[in-house]
Structures are given as structure tokens and as C-alpha cells.
PDB file of N, CA and C in Angstrom:
ATOM      1  N   MET A   1      90.906 102.857  97.204  1.00  0.00           N
ATOM      2  CA  MET A   1      90.093 103.772  97.995  1.00  0.00           C
ATOM      3  C   MET A   1      90.659 103.851  99.409  1.00  0.00           C
ATOM      4  N   ALA A   2      90.932 105.041  99.874  1.00  0.00           N
ATOM      5  CA  ALA A   2      91.477 105.234 101.214  1.00  0.00           C
ATOM      6  C   ALA A   2      90.352 105.304 102.242  1.00  0.00           C
ATOM      7  N   LEU A   3      90.637 104.793 103.421  1.00  0.00           N
ATOM      8  CA  LEU A   3      89.702 104.913 104.528  1.00  0.00           C
ATOM      9  C   LEU A   3      89.895 106.282 105.173  1.00  0.00           C
ATOM     10  N   GLU A   4      88.896 106.712 105.930  1.00  0.00           N
ATOM     11  CA  GLU A   4      88.971 108.011 106.576  1.00  0.00           C
ATOM     12  C   GLU A   4      89.308 107.876 108.049  1.00  0.00           C
ATOM     13  N   ALA A   5      90.031 108.854 108.544  1.00  0.00           N
ATOM     14  CA  ALA A   5      90.372 108.941 109.964  1.00  0.00           C
ATOM     15  C   ALA A   5      90.247 110.406 110.360  1.00  0.00           C
ATOM     16  N   LYS A   6      90.266 110.684 111.649  1.00  0.00           N
ATOM     17  CA  LYS A   6      90.228 112.064 112.126  1.00  0.00           C
ATOM     18  C   LYS A   6      91.656 112.531 112.365  1.00  0.00           C
ATOM     19  N   CYS A   7      92.001 113.671 111.801  1.00  0.00           N
ATOM     20  CA  CYS A   7      93.346 114.216 111.975  1.00  0.00           C
ATOM     21  C   CYS A   7      93.509 114.704 113.411  1.00  0.00           C
ATOM     22  N   PRO A   8      94.569 114.276 114.095  1.00  0.00           N
ATOM     23  CA  PRO A   8      94.779 114.727 115.467  1.00  0.00           C
ATOM     24  C   PRO A   8      95.284 116.170 115.556  1.00  0.00           C
ATOM     25  N   GLU A   9      95.698 116.731 114.441  1.00  0.00           N
ATOM     26  CA  GLU A   9      96.210 118.108 114.442  1.00  0.00           C
ATOM     27  C   GLU A   9      95.118 119.131 114.162  1.00  0.00           C
ATOM     28  N   CYS A  10      94.328 118.913 113.119  1.00  0.00           N
ATOM     29  CA  CYS A  10      93.328 119.918 112.726  1.00  0.00           C
ATOM     30  C   CYS A  10      91.891 119.419 112.876  1.00  0.00           C
ATOM     31  N   ALA A  11      91.715 118.159 113.261  1.00  0.00           N
ATOM     32  CA  ALA A  11      90.399 117.543 113.492  1.00  0.00           C
ATOM     33  C   ALA A  11      89.564 117.383 112.225  1.00  0.00           C
ATOM     34  N   ARG A  12      90.175 117.571 111.092  1.00  0.00           N
ATOM     35  CA  ARG A  12      89.460 117.340 109.833  1.00  0.00           C
ATOM     36  C   ARG A  12      89.717 115.914 109.365  1.00  0.00           C
ATOM     37  N   ARG A  13      89.249 115.597 108.193  1.00  0.00           N
ATOM     38  CA  ARG A  13      89.382 114.251 107.655  1.00  0.00           C
ATOM     39  C   ARG A  13      90.807 113.994 107.191  1.00  0.00           C
ATOM     40  N   ALA A  14      91.352 112.880 107.629  1.00  0.00           N
ATOM     41  CA  ALA A  14      92.654 112.407 107.161  1.00  0.00           C
ATOM     42  C   ALA A  14      92.413 111.076 106.447  1.00  0.00           C
ATOM     43  N   ASP A  15      93.332 110.681 105.622  1.00  0.00           N
ATOM     44  CA  ASP A  15      93.198 109.444 104.856  1.00  0.00           C
ATOM     45  C   ASP A  15      94.132 108.375 105.392  1.00  0.00           C
ATOM     46  N   LEU A  16      93.602 107.191 105.516  1.00  0.00           N
ATOM     47  CA  LEU A  16      94.367 106.006 105.884  1.00  0.00           C
ATOM     48  C   LEU A  16      94.555 105.214 104.600  1.00  0.00           C
ATOM     49  N   ASP A  17      95.803 104.960 104.218  1.00  0.00           N
ATOM     50  CA  ASP A  17      96.045 104.305 102.936  1.00  0.00           C
ATOM     51  C   ASP A  17      95.499 102.875 102.918  1.00  0.00           C
ATOM     52  N   ASP A  18      95.381 102.330 101.729  1.00  0.00           N
ATOM     53  CA  ASP A  18      94.783 101.001 101.537  1.00  0.00           C
ATOM     54  C   ASP A  18      95.506  99.907 102.313  1.00  0.00           C
ATOM     55  N   ASP A  19      96.802 100.059 102.524  1.00  0.00           N
ATOM     56  CA  ASP A  19      97.581  99.051 103.249  1.00  0.00           C
ATOM     57  C   ASP A  19      97.518  99.240 104.761  1.00  0.00           C
ATOM     58  N   MET A  20      96.810 100.294 105.200  1.00  0.00           N
ATOM     59  CA  MET A  20      96.688 100.640 106.622  1.00  0.00           C
ATOM     60  C   MET A  20      98.066 100.822 107.259  1.00  0.00           C
ATOM     61  N   LYS A  21      98.933 101.512 106.537  1.00  0.00           N
ATOM     62  CA  LYS A  21     100.287 101.758 107.039  1.00  0.00           C
ATOM     63  C   LYS A  21     100.524 103.213 107.389  1.00  0.00           C
ATOM     64  N   GLU A  22      99.813 104.143 106.724  1.00  0.00           N
ATOM     65  CA  GLU A  22     100.061 105.563 106.913  1.00  0.00           C
ATOM     66  C   GLU A  22      98.758 106.343 106.988  1.00  0.00           C
ATOM     67  N   VAL A  23      98.792 107.413 107.794  1.00  0.00           N
ATOM     68  CA  VAL A  23      97.680 108.352 107.885  1.00  0.00           C
ATOM     69  C   VAL A  23      98.195 109.701 107.418  1.00  0.00           C
ATOM     70  N   ASN A  24      97.465 110.319 106.497  1.00  0.00           N
ATOM     71  CA  ASN A  24      97.872 111.604 105.928  1.00  0.00           C
ATOM     72  C   ASN A  24      96.694 112.566 105.912  1.00  0.00           C
ATOM     73  N   CYS A  25      96.950 113.809 106.297  1.00  0.00           N
ATOM     74  CA  CYS A  25      95.928 114.843 106.241  1.00  0.00           C
ATOM     75  C   CYS A  25      96.300 115.828 105.143  1.00  0.00           C
ATOM     76  N   ASN A  26      95.427 115.974 104.172  1.00  0.00           N
ATOM     77  CA  ASN A  26      95.676 116.908 103.074  1.00  0.00           C
ATOM     78  C   ASN A  26      95.412 118.350 103.487  1.00  0.00           C
ATOM     79  N   HIS A  27      94.760 118.554 104.628  1.00  0.00           N
ATOM     80  CA  HIS A  27      94.418 119.907 105.072  1.00  0.00           C
ATOM     81  C   HIS A  27      95.587 120.588 105.783  1.00  0.00           C
ATOM     82  N   CYS A  28      96.221 119.880 106.724  1.00  0.00           N
ATOM     83  CA  CYS A  28      97.295 120.514 107.511  1.00  0.00           C
ATOM     84  C   CYS A  28      98.663 119.873 107.296  1.00  0.00           C
ATOM     85  N   GLY A  29      98.702 118.767 106.557  1.00  0.00           N
ATOM     86  CA  GLY A  29      99.979 118.129 106.269  1.00  0.00           C
ATOM     87  C   GLY A  29     100.411 117.081 107.285  1.00  0.00           C
ATOM     88  N   PHE A  30      99.555 116.770 108.248  1.00  0.00           N
ATOM     89  CA  PHE A  30      99.893 115.734 109.226  1.00  0.00           C
ATOM     90  C   PHE A  30     100.188 114.428 108.502  1.00  0.00           C
ATOM     91  N   HIS A  31     101.221 113.731 108.997  1.00  0.00           N
ATOM     92  CA  HIS A  31     101.600 112.431 108.437  1.00  0.00           C
ATOM     93  C   HIS A  31     102.154 111.572 109.566  1.00  0.00           C
ATOM     94  N   ALA A  32     101.691 110.332 109.630  1.00  0.00           N
ATOM     95  CA  ALA A  32     102.224 109.394 110.628  1.00  0.00           C
ATOM     96  C   ALA A  32     101.994 107.978 110.141  1.00  0.00           C
ATOM     97  N   LEU A  33     102.830 107.087 110.619  1.00  0.00           N
ATOM     98  CA  LEU A  33     102.563 105.675 110.408  1.00  0.00           C
ATOM     99  C   LEU A  33     101.317 105.323 111.208  1.00  0.00           C
ATOM    100  N   TYR A  34     100.588 104.311 110.780  1.00  0.00           N
ATOM    101  CA  TYR A  34      99.326 103.966 111.422  1.00  0.00           C
ATOM    102  C   TYR A  34      99.511 103.671 112.911  1.00  0.00           C
ATOM    103  N   ASP A  35     100.540 102.925 113.267  1.00  0.00           N
ATOM    104  CA  ASP A  35     100.776 102.603 114.682  1.00  0.00           C
ATOM    105  C   ASP A  35     101.028 103.865 115.511  1.00  0.00           C
ATOM    106  N   GLU A  36     101.764 104.821 114.942  1.00  0.00           N
ATOM    107  CA  GLU A  36     102.007 106.093 115.631  1.00  0.00           C
ATOM    108  C   GLU A  36     100.696 106.864 115.792  1.00  0.00           C
ATOM    109  N   TYR A  37      99.882 106.870 114.741  1.00  0.00           N
ATOM    110  CA  TYR A  37      98.581 107.542 114.772  1.00  0.00           C
ATOM    111  C   TYR A  37      97.712 106.971 115.891  1.00  0.00           C
ATOM    112  N   ILE A  38      97.670 105.652 116.001  1.00  0.00           N
ATOM    113  CA  ILE A  38      96.863 105.007 117.045  1.00  0.00           C
ATOM    114  C   ILE A  38      97.352 105.440 118.424  1.00  0.00           C
ATOM    115  N   GLU A  39      98.657 105.496 118.636  1.00  0.00           N
ATOM    116  CA  GLU A  39      99.200 105.926 119.931  1.00  0.00           C
ATOM    117  C   GLU A  39      98.832 107.379 120.232  1.00  0.00           C
ATOM    118  N   ILE A  40      98.895 108.239 119.217  1.00  0.00           N
ATOM    119  CA  ILE A  40      98.510 109.647 119.400  1.00  0.00           C
ATOM    120  C   ILE A  40      97.046 109.730 119.807  1.00  0.00           C
ATOM    121  N   MET A  41      96.188 108.996 119.108  1.00  0.00           N
ATOM    122  CA  MET A  41      94.750 109.060 119.386  1.00  0.00           C
ATOM    123  C   MET A  41      94.426 108.428 120.740  1.00  0.00           C
ATOM    124  N   LYS A  42      95.138 107.386 121.134  1.00  0.00           N
ATOM    125  CA  LYS A  42      94.932 106.802 122.463  1.00  0.00           C
ATOM    126  C   LYS A  42      95.303 107.806 123.545  1.00  0.00           C
ATOM    127  N   GLY A  43      96.386 108.527 123.336  1.00  0.00           N
ATOM    128  CA  GLY A  43      96.792 109.555 124.285  1.00  0.00           C
ATOM    129  C   GLY A  43      95.745 110.656 124.404  1.00  0.00           C
ATOM    130  N   ARG A  44      95.180 111.054 123.281  1.00  0.00           N
ATOM    131  CA  ARG A  44      94.140 112.093 123.303  1.00  0.00           C
ATOM    132  C   ARG A  44      92.889 111.585 124.002  1.00  0.00           C
ATOM    133  N   ALA A  45      92.539 110.325 123.791  1.00  0.00           N
ATOM    134  CA  ALA A  45      91.365 109.754 124.456  1.00  0.00           C
ATOM    135  C   ALA A  45      91.575 109.698 125.961  1.00  0.00           C
ATOM    136  N   ALA A  46      92.784 109.375 126.384  1.00  0.00           N
ATOM    137  CA  ALA A  46      93.080 109.323 127.819  1.00  0.00           C
ATOM    138  C   ALA A  46      92.951 110.705 128.443  1.00  0.00           C
ATOM    139  N   VAL A  47      93.436 111.724 127.748  1.00  0.00           N
ATOM    140  CA  VAL A  47      93.326 113.094 128.251  1.00  0.00           C
ATOM    141  C   VAL A  47      91.863 113.508 128.325  1.00  0.00           C
ATOM    142  N   MET A  48      91.096 113.173 127.297  1.00  0.00           N
ATOM    143  CA  MET A  48      89.675 113.503 127.314  1.00  0.00           C
ATOM    144  C   MET A  48      88.970 112.802 128.472  1.00  0.00           C
ATOM    145  N   GLY A  49      89.329 111.552 128.728  1.00  0.00           N
ATOM    146  CA  GLY A  49      88.746 110.814 129.843  1.00  0.00           C
ATOM    147  C   GLY A  49      89.105 111.432 131.173  1.00  0.00           C
ATOM    148  N   ASP A  50      90.353 111.859 131.318  1.00  0.00           N
ATOM    149  CA  ASP A  50      90.788 112.522 132.546  1.00  0.00           C
ATOM    150  C   ASP A  50      90.042 113.838 132.742  1.00  0.00           C
ATOM    151  N   ASP A  51      89.880 114.603 131.649  1.00  0.00           N
ATOM    152  CA  ASP A  51      89.154 115.869 131.734  1.00  0.00           C
ATOM    153  C   ASP A  51      87.702 115.630 132.130  1.00  0.00           C
ATOM    154  N   PHE A  52      87.084 114.623 131.573  1.00  0.00           N
ATOM    155  CA  PHE A  52      85.697 114.312 131.904  1.00  0.00           C
ATOM    156  C   PHE A  52      85.583 113.924 133.375  1.00  0.00           C
ATOM    157  N   GLN A  53      86.509 113.101 133.830  1.00  0.00           N
ATOM    158  CA  GLN A  53      86.495 112.663 135.225  1.00  0.00           C
ATOM    159  C   GLN A  53      86.640 113.859 136.152  1.00  0.00           C
ATOM    160  N   THR A  54      87.554 114.748 135.841  1.00  0.00           N
ATOM    161  CA  THR A  54      87.784 115.939 136.654  1.00  0.00           C
ATOM    162  C   THR A  54      86.537 116.820 136.681  1.00  0.00           C
ATOM    163  N   ASN A  55      85.911 117.015 135.522  1.00  0.00           N
ATOM    164  CA  ASN A  55      84.724 117.857 135.460  1.00  0.00           C
ATOM    165  C   ASN A  55      83.528 117.209 136.148  1.00  0.00           C
ATOM    166  N   SER A  56      83.412 115.908 136.104  1.00  0.00           N
ATOM    167  CA  SER A  56      82.262 115.250 136.709  1.00  0.00           C
ATOM    168  C   SER A  56      82.428 115.138 138.228  1.00  0.00           C
ATOM    169  N   ASP A  57      83.655 115.343 138.713  1.00  0.00           N
ATOM    170  CA  ASP A  57      83.886 115.308 140.157  1.00  0.00           C
ATOM    171  C   ASP A  57      83.397 116.577 140.846  1.00  0.00           C
ATOM    172  N   ARG A  58      83.224 117.631 140.064  1.00  0.00           N
ATOM    173  CA  ARG A  58      82.749 118.882 140.643  1.00  0.00           C
ATOM    174  C   ARG A  58      81.272 118.748 140.982  1.00  0.00           C
ATOM    175  N   ARG A  59      80.926 119.147 142.158  1.00  0.00           N
ATOM    176  CA  ARG A  59      79.522 119.046 142.577  1.00  0.00           C
ATOM    177  C   ARG A  59      78.932 120.444 142.700  1.00  0.00           C
ATOM    178  N   PRO A  60      77.772 120.636 142.093  1.00  0.00           N
ATOM    179  CA  PRO A  60      77.147 121.949 142.220  1.00  0.00           C
ATOM    180  C   PRO A  60      76.673 122.195 143.651  1.00  0.00           C
ATOM    181  N   PHE A  61      76.698 123.435 144.052  1.00  0.00           N
ATOM    182  CA  PHE A  61      76.250 123.792 145.395  1.00  0.00           C
ATOM    183  C   PHE A  61      74.807 124.192 145.398  1.00  0.00           C
TER     184      PHE A  61
END
């Protein structure tokens, strides 16, 4: 049974194999080793955090 992950390309469900070595998306064809997937998702989280910080710095008049 494969575990589920979020595809960084199409945001749909991707599968993490039983050995936790590869992430594959059957919807868009995304494929990465698990360590690469984690780095991609960490990068996306950092961007989201930066965007949130930028938006929360704006003060309404």
C-alpha cells in the first residue's frame, strides 16, 4: 500500500512507494526521489511563508 503525498506540480494526490524512496503522480507524471521531493516541498513552504510575511506587513489605512 502506497502512502499519499501532495504533488508539487498539479497539487493532486501523488503516491509515495512502500520503501519511501520515490514519489509519483499518476495525474501529471511527476516523479522524484523522496529526498528531492522533500527539498521541493520545503522550497515551496519557504516561498509561501515569505508571501504570507509580505502580505501581513501591509497595513490597512
